[in-house]
Amino acid sequence: MNDYLYLFSVARLGREQAEECILFSIKDALPNVKPHKEHMYSFVTAVFVTDETEQDVLRFIRRRRFNKSYRWGIHGSSPLRTAALDIGHEKIVTNNMGRDLRTQIKNICKE
């Protein structure tokens, strides 16, 4: 299992900017994945840290999905995990695959 982590820190996050960053993450990570019969997952993770984020951008990050499977899943897959930490509103939003990121971010913020 590999994890390709991309961290983006911006003052104000817009939807177009979020989409560009996510597409960059996917395009940069996928060529590095070397699937084989014992490969299970290679996560592509995009985390946004912002001072202020609009509700529609948070909704977009929550609903954004991507999954690339190799040989119909026999050689694993590369799912997308997204998370946004909105410092101004003290809110953490993740997509379905990134649920475990929420607890990791909370633990980091406590320290």
PDB file of N, CA and C in Angstrom:
ATOM      1  N   MET A   1       0.837  -1.168   0.000  1.00  0.00           N
ATOM      2  CA  MET A   1       0.000   0.000   0.000  1.00  0.00           C
ATOM      3  C   MET A   1       0.886   1.237   0.000  1.00  0.00           C
ATOM      4  N   ASN A   2       0.633   2.122  -0.921  1.00  0.00           N
ATOM      5  CA  ASN A   2       1.340   3.391  -1.011  1.00  0.00           C
ATOM      6  C   ASN A   2       0.350   4.522  -0.812  1.00  0.00           C
ATOM      7  N   ASP A   3       0.874   5.643  -0.348  1.00  0.00           N
ATOM      8  CA  ASP A   3       0.033   6.813  -0.168  1.00  0.00           C
ATOM      9  C   ASP A   3       0.758   8.004  -0.770  1.00  0.00           C
ATOM     10  N   TYR A   4       0.120   8.652  -1.718  1.00  0.00           N
ATOM     11  CA  TYR A   4       0.665   9.847  -2.342  1.00  0.00           C
ATOM     12  C   TYR A   4      -0.094  11.025  -1.768  1.00  0.00           C
ATOM     13  N   LEU A   5       0.563  11.783  -0.881  1.00  0.00           N
ATOM     14  CA  LEU A   5      -0.072  12.860  -0.139  1.00  0.00           C
ATOM     15  C   LEU A   5       0.299  14.209  -0.745  1.00  0.00           C
ATOM     16  N   TYR A   6      -0.728  15.018  -0.988  1.00  0.00           N
ATOM     17  CA  TYR A   6      -0.548  16.362  -1.510  1.00  0.00           C
ATOM     18  C   TYR A   6      -1.239  17.318  -0.547  1.00  0.00           C
ATOM     19  N   LEU A   7      -0.472  18.269  -0.002  1.00  0.00           N
ATOM     20  CA  LEU A   7      -0.985  19.220   0.968  1.00  0.00           C
ATOM     21  C   LEU A   7      -1.016  20.600   0.325  1.00  0.00           C
ATOM     22  N   PHE A   8      -2.192  21.228   0.342  1.00  0.00           N
ATOM     23  CA  PHE A   8      -2.377  22.547  -0.251  1.00  0.00           C
ATOM     24  C   PHE A   8      -2.827  23.503   0.845  1.00  0.00           C
ATOM     25  N   SER A   9      -2.106  24.604   0.995  1.00  0.00           N
ATOM     26  CA  SER A   9      -2.440  25.601   2.001  1.00  0.00           C
ATOM     27  C   SER A   9      -2.729  26.926   1.296  1.00  0.00           C
ATOM     28  N   VAL A  10      -3.954  27.414   1.446  1.00  0.00           N
ATOM     29  CA  VAL A  10      -4.362  28.664   0.812  1.00  0.00           C
ATOM     30  C   VAL A  10      -5.198  29.472   1.803  1.00  0.00           C
ATOM     31  N   ALA A  11      -5.198  30.783   1.612  1.00  0.00           N
ATOM     32  CA  ALA A  11      -5.984  31.644   2.495  1.00  0.00           C
ATOM     33  C   ALA A  11      -7.476  31.480   2.227  1.00  0.00           C
ATOM     34  N   ARG A  12      -7.873  31.528   0.953  1.00  0.00           N
ATOM     35  CA  ARG A  12      -9.281  31.392   0.578  1.00  0.00           C
ATOM     36  C   ARG A  12      -9.359  30.399  -0.579  1.00  0.00           C
ATOM     37  N   LEU A  13     -10.073  29.324  -0.374  1.00  0.00           N
ATOM     38  CA  LEU A  13     -10.153  28.252  -1.367  1.00  0.00           C
ATOM     39  C   LEU A  13     -11.404  28.401  -2.209  1.00  0.00           C
ATOM     40  N   GLY A  14     -11.223  28.424  -3.533  1.00  0.00           N
ATOM     41  CA  GLY A  14     -12.337  28.457  -4.470  1.00  0.00           C
ATOM     42  C   GLY A  14     -12.528  27.106  -5.114  1.00  0.00           C
ATOM     43  N   ARG A  15     -13.685  26.912  -5.738  1.00  0.00           N
ATOM     44  CA  ARG A  15     -13.995  25.610  -6.338  1.00  0.00           C
ATOM     45  C   ARG A  15     -13.060  25.267  -7.490  1.00  0.00           C
ATOM     46  N   GLU A  16     -12.788  26.233  -8.373  1.00  0.00           N
ATOM     47  CA  GLU A  16     -11.895  25.969  -9.506  1.00  0.00           C
ATOM     48  C   GLU A  16     -10.494  25.617  -9.021  1.00  0.00           C
ATOM     49  N   GLN A  17     -10.029  26.332  -8.005  1.00  0.00           N
ATOM     50  CA  GLN A  17      -8.707  26.067  -7.456  1.00  0.00           C
ATOM     51  C   GLN A  17      -8.658  24.667  -6.830  1.00  0.00           C
ATOM     52  N   ALA A  18      -9.697  24.286  -6.124  1.00  0.00           N
ATOM     53  CA  ALA A  18      -9.759  22.953  -5.517  1.00  0.00           C
ATOM     54  C   ALA A  18      -9.737  21.873  -6.588  1.00  0.00           C
ATOM     55  N   GLU A  19     -10.503  22.072  -7.659  1.00  0.00           N
ATOM     56  CA  GLU A  19     -10.535  21.086  -8.741  1.00  0.00           C
ATOM     57  C   GLU A  19      -9.177  20.977  -9.424  1.00  0.00           C
ATOM     58  N   GLU A  20      -8.507  22.097  -9.654  1.00  0.00           N
ATOM     59  CA  GLU A  20      -7.177  22.076 -10.267  1.00  0.00           C
ATOM     60  C   GLU A  20      -6.181  21.320  -9.387  1.00  0.00           C
ATOM     61  N   CYS A  21      -6.231  21.553  -8.096  1.00  0.00           N
ATOM     62  CA  CYS A  21      -5.317  20.872  -7.178  1.00  0.00           C
ATOM     63  C   CYS A  21      -5.578  19.370  -7.132  1.00  0.00           C
ATOM     64  N   ILE A  22      -6.839  18.982  -7.138  1.00  0.00           N
ATOM     65  CA  ILE A  22      -7.179  17.555  -7.115  1.00  0.00           C
ATOM     66  C   ILE A  22      -6.742  16.888  -8.408  1.00  0.00           C
ATOM     67  N   LEU A  23      -6.995  17.529  -9.539  1.00  0.00           N
ATOM     68  CA  LEU A  23      -6.561  16.964 -10.823  1.00  0.00           C
ATOM     69  C   LEU A  23      -5.044  16.851 -10.891  1.00  0.00           C
ATOM     70  N   PHE A  24      -4.334  17.857 -10.371  1.00  0.00           N
ATOM     71  CA  PHE A  24      -2.874  17.789 -10.319  1.00  0.00           C
ATOM     72  C   PHE A  24      -2.434  16.585  -9.501  1.00  0.00           C
ATOM     73  N   SER A  25      -3.058  16.370  -8.354  1.00  0.00           N
ATOM     74  CA  SER A  25      -2.703  15.248  -7.478  1.00  0.00           C
ATOM     75  C   SER A  25      -2.872  13.916  -8.199  1.00  0.00           C
ATOM     76  N   ILE A  26      -3.991  13.771  -8.876  1.00  0.00           N
ATOM     77  CA  ILE A  26      -4.272  12.516  -9.582  1.00  0.00           C
ATOM     78  C   ILE A  26      -3.269  12.306 -10.715  1.00  0.00           C
ATOM     79  N   LYS A  27      -3.064  13.344 -11.533  1.00  0.00           N
ATOM     80  CA  LYS A  27      -2.153  13.214 -12.680  1.00  0.00           C
ATOM     81  C   LYS A  27      -0.705  12.998 -12.254  1.00  0.00           C
ATOM     82  N   ASP A  28      -0.320  13.535 -11.106  1.00  0.00           N
ATOM     83  CA  ASP A  28       1.049  13.372 -10.637  1.00  0.00           C
ATOM     84  C   ASP A  28       1.270  12.005  -9.993  1.00  0.00           C
ATOM     85  N   ALA A  29       0.284  11.490  -9.297  1.00  0.00           N
ATOM     86  CA  ALA A  29       0.453  10.246  -8.542  1.00  0.00           C
ATOM     87  C   ALA A  29       0.318   8.989  -9.405  1.00  0.00           C
ATOM     88  N   LEU A  30      -0.631   8.963 -10.321  1.00  0.00           N
ATOM     89  CA  LEU A  30      -0.914   7.725 -11.055  1.00  0.00           C
ATOM     90  C   LEU A  30       0.267   7.166 -11.835  1.00  0.00           C
ATOM     91  N   PRO A  31       1.118   7.977 -12.477  1.00  0.00           N
ATOM     92  CA  PRO A  31       2.269   7.382 -13.169  1.00  0.00           C
ATOM     93  C   PRO A  31       3.262   6.695 -12.231  1.00  0.00           C
ATOM     94  N   ASN A  32       3.238   7.020 -10.954  1.00  0.00           N
ATOM     95  CA  ASN A  32       4.154   6.415  -9.986  1.00  0.00           C
ATOM     96  C   ASN A  32       3.663   5.076  -9.453  1.00  0.00           C
ATOM     97  N   VAL A  33       2.403   4.752  -9.676  1.00  0.00           N
ATOM     98  CA  VAL A  33       1.829   3.496  -9.175  1.00  0.00           C
ATOM     99  C   VAL A  33       2.296   2.355 -10.061  1.00  0.00           C
ATOM    100  N   LYS A  34       2.809   1.312  -9.435  1.00  0.00           N
ATOM    101  CA  LYS A  34       3.274   0.117 -10.150  1.00  0.00           C
ATOM    102  C   LYS A  34       2.416  -1.075  -9.720  1.00  0.00           C
ATOM    103  N   PRO A  35       1.261  -1.270 -10.379  1.00  0.00           N
ATOM    104  CA  PRO A  35       0.363  -2.351  -9.962  1.00  0.00           C
ATOM    105  C   PRO A  35       0.923  -3.739 -10.306  1.00  0.00           C
ATOM    106  N   HIS A  36       0.655  -4.686  -9.445  1.00  0.00           N
ATOM    107  CA  HIS A  36       1.021  -6.086  -9.647  1.00  0.00           C
ATOM    108  C   HIS A  36       0.009  -6.932  -8.899  1.00  0.00           C
ATOM    109  N   LYS A  37       0.119  -8.224  -8.966  1.00  0.00           N
ATOM    110  CA  LYS A  37      -0.930  -9.080  -8.418  1.00  0.00           C
ATOM    111  C   LYS A  37      -1.039  -9.016  -6.891  1.00  0.00           C
ATOM    112  N   GLU A  38      -0.024  -8.524  -6.189  1.00  0.00           N
ATOM    113  CA  GLU A  38      -0.111  -8.385  -4.744  1.00  0.00           C
ATOM    114  C   GLU A  38      -0.383  -6.940  -4.306  1.00  0.00           C
ATOM    115  N   HIS A  39      -0.561  -6.051  -5.263  1.00  0.00           N
ATOM    116  CA  HIS A  39      -0.857  -4.649  -4.973  1.00  0.00           C
ATOM    117  C   HIS A  39      -2.314  -4.533  -4.559  1.00  0.00           C
ATOM    118  N   MET A  40      -2.578  -3.802  -3.475  1.00  0.00           N
ATOM    119  CA  MET A  40      -3.955  -3.625  -3.047  1.00  0.00           C
ATOM    120  C   MET A  40      -4.425  -2.199  -3.316  1.00  0.00           C
ATOM    121  N   TYR A  41      -3.839  -1.226  -2.628  1.00  0.00           N
ATOM    122  CA  TYR A  41      -4.255   0.169  -2.756  1.00  0.00           C
ATOM    123  C   TYR A  41      -3.045   1.075  -2.876  1.00  0.00           C
ATOM    124  N   SER A  42      -3.196   2.123  -3.636  1.00  0.00           N
ATOM    125  CA  SER A  42      -2.275   3.250  -3.648  1.00  0.00           C
ATOM    126  C   SER A  42      -3.157   4.488  -3.539  1.00  0.00           C
ATOM    127  N   PHE A  43      -3.264   5.020  -2.346  1.00  0.00           N
ATOM    128  CA  PHE A  43      -4.150   6.160  -2.113  1.00  0.00           C
ATOM    129  C   PHE A  43      -3.560   7.443  -2.675  1.00  0.00           C
ATOM    130  N   VAL A  44      -4.402   8.228  -3.333  1.00  0.00           N
ATOM    131  CA  VAL A  44      -4.068   9.579  -3.757  1.00  0.00           C
ATOM    132  C   VAL A  44      -4.822  10.496  -2.791  1.00  0.00           C
ATOM    133  N   THR A  45      -4.075  11.239  -1.974  1.00  0.00           N
ATOM    134  CA  THR A  45      -4.679  12.026  -0.905  1.00  0.00           C
ATOM    135  C   THR A  45      -4.407  13.505  -1.125  1.00  0.00           C
ATOM    136  N   ALA A  46      -5.472  14.295  -1.200  1.00  0.00           N
ATOM    137  CA  ALA A  46      -5.364  15.743  -1.329  1.00  0.00           C
ATOM    138  C   ALA A  46      -5.966  16.376  -0.084  1.00  0.00           C
ATOM    139  N   VAL A  47      -5.139  17.123   0.665  1.00  0.00           N
ATOM    140  CA  VAL A  47      -5.574  17.770   1.891  1.00  0.00           C
ATOM    141  C   VAL A  47      -5.428  19.281   1.710  1.00  0.00           C
ATOM    142  N   PHE A  48      -6.507  20.001   2.017  1.00  0.00           N
ATOM    143  CA  PHE A  48      -6.532  21.455   1.914  1.00  0.00           C
ATOM    144  C   PHE A  48      -6.596  22.053   3.314  1.00  0.00           C
ATOM    145  N   VAL A  49      -5.712  23.013   3.585  1.00  0.00           N
ATOM    146  CA  VAL A  49      -5.745  23.773   4.834  1.00  0.00           C
ATOM    147  C   VAL A  49      -6.024  25.214   4.444  1.00  0.00           C
ATOM    148  N   THR A  50      -7.153  25.744   4.907  1.00  0.00           N
ATOM    149  CA  THR A  50      -7.572  27.079   4.493  1.00  0.00           C
ATOM    150  C   THR A  50      -7.996  27.924   5.688  1.00  0.00           C
ATOM    151  N   ASP A  51      -7.917  29.229   5.492  1.00  0.00           N
ATOM    152  CA  ASP A  51      -8.442  30.152   6.503  1.00  0.00           C
ATOM    153  C   ASP A  51      -9.947  30.318   6.345  1.00  0.00           C
ATOM    154  N   GLU A  52     -10.393  30.283   5.082  1.00  0.00           N
ATOM    155  CA  GLU A  52     -11.808  30.508   4.788  1.00  0.00           C
ATOM    156  C   GLU A  52     -12.202  29.712   3.553  1.00  0.00           C
ATOM    157  N   THR A  53     -13.317  29.016   3.633  1.00  0.00           N
ATOM    158  CA  THR A  53     -13.813  28.214   2.524  1.00  0.00           C
ATOM    159  C   THR A  53     -15.318  28.372   2.437  1.00  0.00           C
ATOM    160  N   GLU A  54     -15.808  28.513   1.211  1.00  0.00           N
ATOM    161  CA  GLU A  54     -17.253  28.635   1.001  1.00  0.00           C
ATOM    162  C   GLU A  54     -17.920  27.271   1.128  1.00  0.00           C
ATOM    163  N   GLN A  55     -19.202  27.282   1.470  1.00  0.00           N
ATOM    164  CA  GLN A  55     -19.959  26.043   1.667  1.00  0.00           C
ATOM    165  C   GLN A  55     -19.981  25.176   0.408  1.00  0.00           C
ATOM    166  N   ASP A  56     -20.117  25.780  -0.780  1.00  0.00           N
ATOM    167  CA  ASP A  56     -20.185  24.975  -1.998  1.00  0.00           C
ATOM    168  C   ASP A  56     -18.859  24.278  -2.282  1.00  0.00           C
ATOM    169  N   VAL A  57     -17.740  24.873  -1.864  1.00  0.00           N
ATOM    170  CA  VAL A  57     -16.439  24.233  -2.045  1.00  0.00           C
ATOM    171  C   VAL A  57     -16.315  23.043  -1.097  1.00  0.00           C
ATOM    172  N   LEU A  58     -16.768  23.207   0.128  1.00  0.00           N
ATOM    173  CA  LEU A  58     -16.742  22.088   1.070  1.00  0.00           C
ATOM    174  C   LEU A  58     -17.632  20.949   0.589  1.00  0.00           C
ATOM    175  N   ARG A  59     -18.776  21.281   0.030  1.00  0.00           N
ATOM    176  CA  ARG A  59     -19.673  20.265  -0.523  1.00  0.00           C
ATOM    177  C   ARG A  59     -18.996  19.550  -1.694  1.00  0.00           C
ATOM    178  N   PHE A  60     -18.291  20.315  -2.539  1.00  0.00           N
ATOM    179  CA  PHE A  60     -17.567  19.733  -3.677  1.00  0.00           C
ATOM    180  C   PHE A  60     -16.498  18.756  -3.195  1.00  0.00           C
ATOM    181  N   ILE A  61     -15.728  19.144  -2.184  1.00  0.00           N
ATOM    182  CA  ILE A  61     -14.665  18.276  -1.660  1.00  0.00           C
ATOM    183  C   ILE A  61     -15.270  17.018  -1.047  1.00  0.00           C
ATOM    184  N   ARG A  62     -16.395  17.155  -0.359  1.00  0.00           N
ATOM    185  CA  ARG A  62     -17.058  16.000   0.249  1.00  0.00           C
ATOM    186  C   ARG A  62     -17.564  15.016  -0.804  1.00  0.00           C
ATOM    187  N   ARG A  63     -18.021  15.509  -1.924  1.00  0.00           N
ATOM    188  CA  ARG A  63     -18.619  14.646  -2.955  1.00  0.00           C
ATOM    189  C   ARG A  63     -17.636  14.189  -4.031  1.00  0.00           C
ATOM    190  N   ARG A  64     -16.428  14.727  -4.047  1.00  0.00           N
ATOM    191  CA  ARG A  64     -15.462  14.409  -5.115  1.00  0.00           C
ATOM    192  C   ARG A  64     -14.962  12.985  -4.961  1.00  0.00           C
ATOM    193  N   ARG A  65     -15.086  12.224  -6.047  1.00  0.00           N
ATOM    194  CA  ARG A  65     -14.668  10.822  -6.037  1.00  0.00           C
ATOM    195  C   ARG A  65     -13.815  10.520  -7.261  1.00  0.00           C
ATOM    196  N   PHE A  66     -12.921   9.556  -7.098  1.00  0.00           N
ATOM    197  CA  PHE A  66     -12.123   9.036  -8.204  1.00  0.00           C
ATOM    198  C   PHE A  66     -11.581   7.696  -7.760  1.00  0.00           C
ATOM    199  N   ASN A  67     -11.572   6.727  -8.656  1.00  0.00           N
ATOM    200  CA  ASN A  67     -10.990   5.428  -8.368  1.00  0.00           C
ATOM    201  C   ASN A  67     -10.495   4.808  -9.666  1.00  0.00           C
ATOM    202  N   LYS A  68      -9.224   4.519  -9.717  1.00  0.00           N
ATOM    203  CA  LYS A  68      -8.620   3.864 -10.876  1.00  0.00           C
ATOM    204  C   LYS A  68      -8.308   2.440 -10.466  1.00  0.00           C
ATOM    205  N   SER A  69      -8.928   1.470 -11.153  1.00  0.00           N
ATOM    206  CA  SER A  69      -8.636   0.074 -10.847  1.00  0.00           C
ATOM    207  C   SER A  69      -7.719  -0.486 -11.927  1.00  0.00           C
ATOM    208  N   TYR A  70      -6.914  -1.461 -11.550  1.00  0.00           N
ATOM    209  CA  TYR A  70      -5.938  -2.067 -12.449  1.00  0.00           C
ATOM    210  C   TYR A  70      -6.332  -3.514 -12.697  1.00  0.00           C
ATOM    211  N   ARG A  71      -6.486  -3.833 -13.966  1.00  0.00           N
ATOM    212  CA  ARG A  71      -6.905  -5.185 -14.388  1.00  0.00           C
ATOM    213  C   ARG A  71      -8.180  -5.618 -13.671  1.00  0.00           C
ATOM    214  N   TRP A  72      -9.196  -4.782 -13.777  1.00  0.00           N
ATOM    215  CA  TRP A  72     -10.517  -5.030 -13.199  1.00  0.00           C
ATOM    216  C   TRP A  72     -10.462  -5.269 -11.704  1.00  0.00           C
ATOM    217  N   GLY A  73      -9.513  -4.637 -11.043  1.00  0.00           N
ATOM    218  CA  GLY A  73      -9.381  -4.738  -9.601  1.00  0.00           C
ATOM    219  C   GLY A  73      -8.499  -5.880  -9.124  1.00  0.00           C
ATOM    220  N   ILE A  74      -8.101  -6.758 -10.021  1.00  0.00           N
ATOM    221  CA  ILE A  74      -7.254  -7.886  -9.618  1.00  0.00           C
ATOM    222  C   ILE A  74      -5.893  -7.393  -9.131  1.00  0.00           C
ATOM    223  N   HIS A  75      -5.391  -6.325  -9.752  1.00  0.00           N
ATOM    224  CA  HIS A  75      -4.097  -5.758  -9.369  1.00  0.00           C
ATOM    225  C   HIS A  75      -4.261  -4.507  -8.510  1.00  0.00           C
ATOM    226  N   GLY A  76      -5.383  -4.382  -7.838  1.00  0.00           N
ATOM    227  CA  GLY A  76      -5.600  -3.287  -6.904  1.00  0.00           C
ATOM    228  C   GLY A  76      -6.237  -2.067  -7.527  1.00  0.00           C
ATOM    229  N   SER A  77      -6.187  -0.959  -6.790  1.00  0.00           N
ATOM    230  CA  SER A  77      -6.801   0.280  -7.260  1.00  0.00           C
ATOM    231  C   SER A  77      -6.114   1.486  -6.626  1.00  0.00           C
ATOM    232  N   SER A  78      -6.453   2.653  -7.147  1.00  0.00           N
ATOM    233  CA  SER A  78      -5.948   3.922  -6.624  1.00  0.00           C
ATOM    234  C   SER A  78      -7.128   4.842  -6.350  1.00  0.00           C
ATOM    235  N   PRO A  79      -7.681   4.800  -5.150  1.00  0.00           N
ATOM    236  CA  PRO A  79      -8.798   5.688  -4.811  1.00  0.00           C
ATOM    237  C   PRO A  79      -8.306   7.070  -4.377  1.00  0.00           C
ATOM    238  N   LEU A  80      -9.166   8.061  -4.557  1.00  0.00           N
ATOM    239  CA  LEU A  80      -8.882   9.430  -4.148  1.00  0.00           C
ATOM    240  C   LEU A  80      -9.475   9.685  -2.776  1.00  0.00           C
ATOM    241  N   ARG A  81      -8.649  10.253  -1.895  1.00  0.00           N
ATOM    242  CA  ARG A  81      -9.119  10.693  -0.582  1.00  0.00           C
ATOM    243  C   ARG A  81      -8.928  12.202  -0.530  1.00  0.00           C
ATOM    244  N   THR A  82      -9.975  12.926  -0.152  1.00  0.00           N
ATOM    245  CA  THR A  82      -9.872  14.378  -0.031  1.00  0.00           C
ATOM    246  C   THR A  82     -10.274  14.803   1.371  1.00  0.00           C
ATOM    247  N   ALA A  83      -9.640  15.873   1.836  1.00  0.00           N
ATOM    248  CA  ALA A  83      -9.969  16.439   3.142  1.00  0.00           C
ATOM    249  C   ALA A  83      -9.718  17.937   3.092  1.00  0.00           C
ATOM    250  N   ALA A  84     -10.534  18.677   3.830  1.00  0.00           N
ATOM    251  CA  ALA A  84     -10.357  20.117   3.952  1.00  0.00           C
ATOM    252  C   ALA A  84     -10.463  20.505   5.414  1.00  0.00           C
ATOM    253  N   LEU A  85      -9.483  21.263   5.873  1.00  0.00           N
ATOM    254  CA  LEU A  85      -9.491  21.806   7.221  1.00  0.00           C
ATOM    255  C   LEU A  85      -9.717  23.306   7.097  1.00  0.00           C
ATOM    256  N   ASP A  86     -10.926  23.733   7.446  1.00  0.00           N
ATOM    257  CA  ASP A  86     -11.301  25.153   7.397  1.00  0.00           C
ATOM    258  C   ASP A  86     -11.048  25.734   8.785  1.00  0.00           C
ATOM    259  N   ILE A  87      -9.936  26.439   8.929  1.00  0.00           N
ATOM    260  CA  ILE A  87      -9.533  26.952  10.243  1.00  0.00           C
ATOM    261  C   ILE A  87     -10.487  28.033  10.731  1.00  0.00           C
ATOM    262  N   GLY A  88     -10.957  28.889   9.819  1.00  0.00           N
ATOM    263  CA  GLY A  88     -11.845  29.978  10.207  1.00  0.00           C
ATOM    264  C   GLY A  88     -13.145  29.512  10.819  1.00  0.00           C
ATOM    265  N   HIS A  89     -13.717  28.442  10.281  1.00  0.00           N
ATOM    266  CA  HIS A  89     -14.981  27.919  10.790  1.00  0.00           C
ATOM    267  C   HIS A  89     -14.791  26.691  11.679  1.00  0.00           C
ATOM    268  N   GLU A  90     -13.531  26.298  11.918  1.00  0.00           N
ATOM    269  CA  GLU A  90     -13.205  25.112  12.719  1.00  0.00           C
ATOM    270  C   GLU A  90     -13.978  23.887  12.233  1.00  0.00           C
ATOM    271  N   LYS A  91     -13.813  23.591  10.946  1.00  0.00           N
ATOM    272  CA  LYS A  91     -14.569  22.514  10.324  1.00  0.00           C
ATOM    273  C   LYS A  91     -13.620  21.611   9.541  1.00  0.00           C
ATOM    274  N   ILE A  92     -13.850  20.300   9.628  1.00  0.00           N
ATOM    275  CA  ILE A  92     -13.096  19.317   8.860  1.00  0.00           C
ATOM    276  C   ILE A  92     -14.087  18.563   7.981  1.00  0.00           C
ATOM    277  N   VAL A  93     -13.797  18.530   6.680  1.00  0.00           N
ATOM    278  CA  VAL A  93     -14.669  17.858   5.716  1.00  0.00           C
ATOM    279  C   VAL A  93     -13.821  16.858   4.931  1.00  0.00           C
ATOM    280  N   THR A  94     -14.342  15.639   4.753  1.00  0.00           N
ATOM    281  CA  THR A  94     -13.648  14.626   3.953  1.00  0.00           C
ATOM    282  C   THR A  94     -14.645  13.956   3.020  1.00  0.00           C
ATOM    283  N   ASN A  95     -14.119  13.331   1.977  1.00  0.00           N
ATOM    284  CA  ASN A  95     -14.988  12.505   1.152  1.00  0.00           C
ATOM    285  C   ASN A  95     -15.118  11.134   1.812  1.00  0.00           C
ATOM    286  N   ASN A  96     -15.900  10.262   1.224  1.00  0.00           N
ATOM    287  CA  ASN A  96     -16.182   8.966   1.829  1.00  0.00           C
ATOM    288  C   ASN A  96     -14.915   8.138   2.044  1.00  0.00           C
ATOM    289  N   MET A  97     -14.004   8.132   1.079  1.00  0.00           N
ATOM    290  CA  MET A  97     -12.768   7.356   1.214  1.00  0.00           C
ATOM    291  C   MET A  97     -11.819   7.962   2.251  1.00  0.00           C
ATOM    292  N   GLY A  98     -11.971   9.241   2.553  1.00  0.00           N
ATOM    293  CA  GLY A  98     -11.069   9.909   3.476  1.00  0.00           C
ATOM    294  C   GLY A  98     -11.575  10.011   4.899  1.00  0.00           C
ATOM    295  N   ARG A  99     -12.530   9.182   5.261  1.00  0.00           N
ATOM    296  CA  ARG A  99     -13.106   9.245   6.613  1.00  0.00           C
ATOM    297  C   ARG A  99     -12.042   9.144   7.704  1.00  0.00           C
ATOM    298  N   ASP A 100     -11.062   8.265   7.512  1.00  0.00           N
ATOM    299  CA  ASP A 100     -10.034   8.096   8.536  1.00  0.00           C
ATOM    300  C   ASP A 100      -9.127   9.320   8.654  1.00  0.00           C
ATOM    301  N   LEU A 101      -9.098  10.169   7.631  1.00  0.00           N
ATOM    302  CA  LEU A 101      -8.301  11.392   7.696  1.00  0.00           C
ATOM    303  C   LEU A 101      -8.849  12.358   8.749  1.00  0.00           C
ATOM    304  N   ARG A 102     -10.151  12.332   8.961  1.00  0.00           N
ATOM    305  CA  ARG A 102     -10.780  13.231   9.924  1.00  0.00           C
ATOM    306  C   ARG A 102     -10.182  13.024  11.324  1.00  0.00           C
ATOM    307  N   THR A 103     -10.062  11.790  11.770  1.00  0.00           N
ATOM    308  CA  THR A 103      -9.511  11.531  13.098  1.00  0.00           C
ATOM    309  C   THR A 103      -8.027  11.879  13.154  1.00  0.00           C
ATOM    310  N   GLN A 104      -7.299  11.625  12.068  1.00  0.00           N
ATOM    311  CA  GLN A 104      -5.884  11.977  12.045  1.00  0.00           C
ATOM    312  C   GLN A 104      -5.693  13.484  12.144  1.00  0.00           C
ATOM    313  N   ILE A 105      -6.513  14.250  11.417  1.00  0.00           N
ATOM    314  CA  ILE A 105      -6.412  15.706  11.457  1.00  0.00           C
ATOM    315  C   ILE A 105      -6.791  16.226  12.841  1.00  0.00           C
ATOM    316  N   LYS A 106      -7.835  15.655  13.448  1.00  0.00           N
ATOM    317  CA  LYS A 106      -8.228  16.072  14.796  1.00  0.00           C
ATOM    318  C   LYS A 106      -7.097  15.823  15.794  1.00  0.00           C
ATOM    319  N   ASN A 107      -6.445  14.679  15.681  1.00  0.00           N
ATOM    320  CA  ASN A 107      -5.345  14.365  16.594  1.00  0.00           C
ATOM    321  C   ASN A 107      -4.170  15.332  16.401  1.00  0.00           C
ATOM    322  N   ILE A 108      -3.888  15.708  15.169  1.00  0.00           N
ATOM    323  CA  ILE A 108      -2.802  16.651  14.904  1.00  0.00           C
ATOM    324  C   ILE A 108      -3.160  18.026  15.467  1.00  0.00           C
ATOM    325  N   CYS A 109      -4.406  18.432  15.334  1.00  0.00           N
ATOM    326  CA  CYS A 109      -4.829  19.756  15.821  1.00  0.00           C
ATOM    327  C   CYS A 109      -4.826  19.836  17.348  1.00  0.00           C
ATOM    328  N   LYS A 110      -5.009  18.713  18.034  1.00  0.00           N
ATOM    329  CA  LYS A 110      -4.992  18.702  19.495  1.00  0.00           C
ATOM    330  C   LYS A 110      -3.611  18.971  20.041  1.00  0.00           C
ATOM    331  N   GLU A 111      -2.597  18.543  19.300  1.00  0.00           N
ATOM    332  CA  GLU A 111      -1.206  18.678  19.772  1.00  0.00           C
ATOM    333  C   GLU A 111      -0.707  20.035  19.593  1.00  0.00           C
TER     334      GLU A 111
END
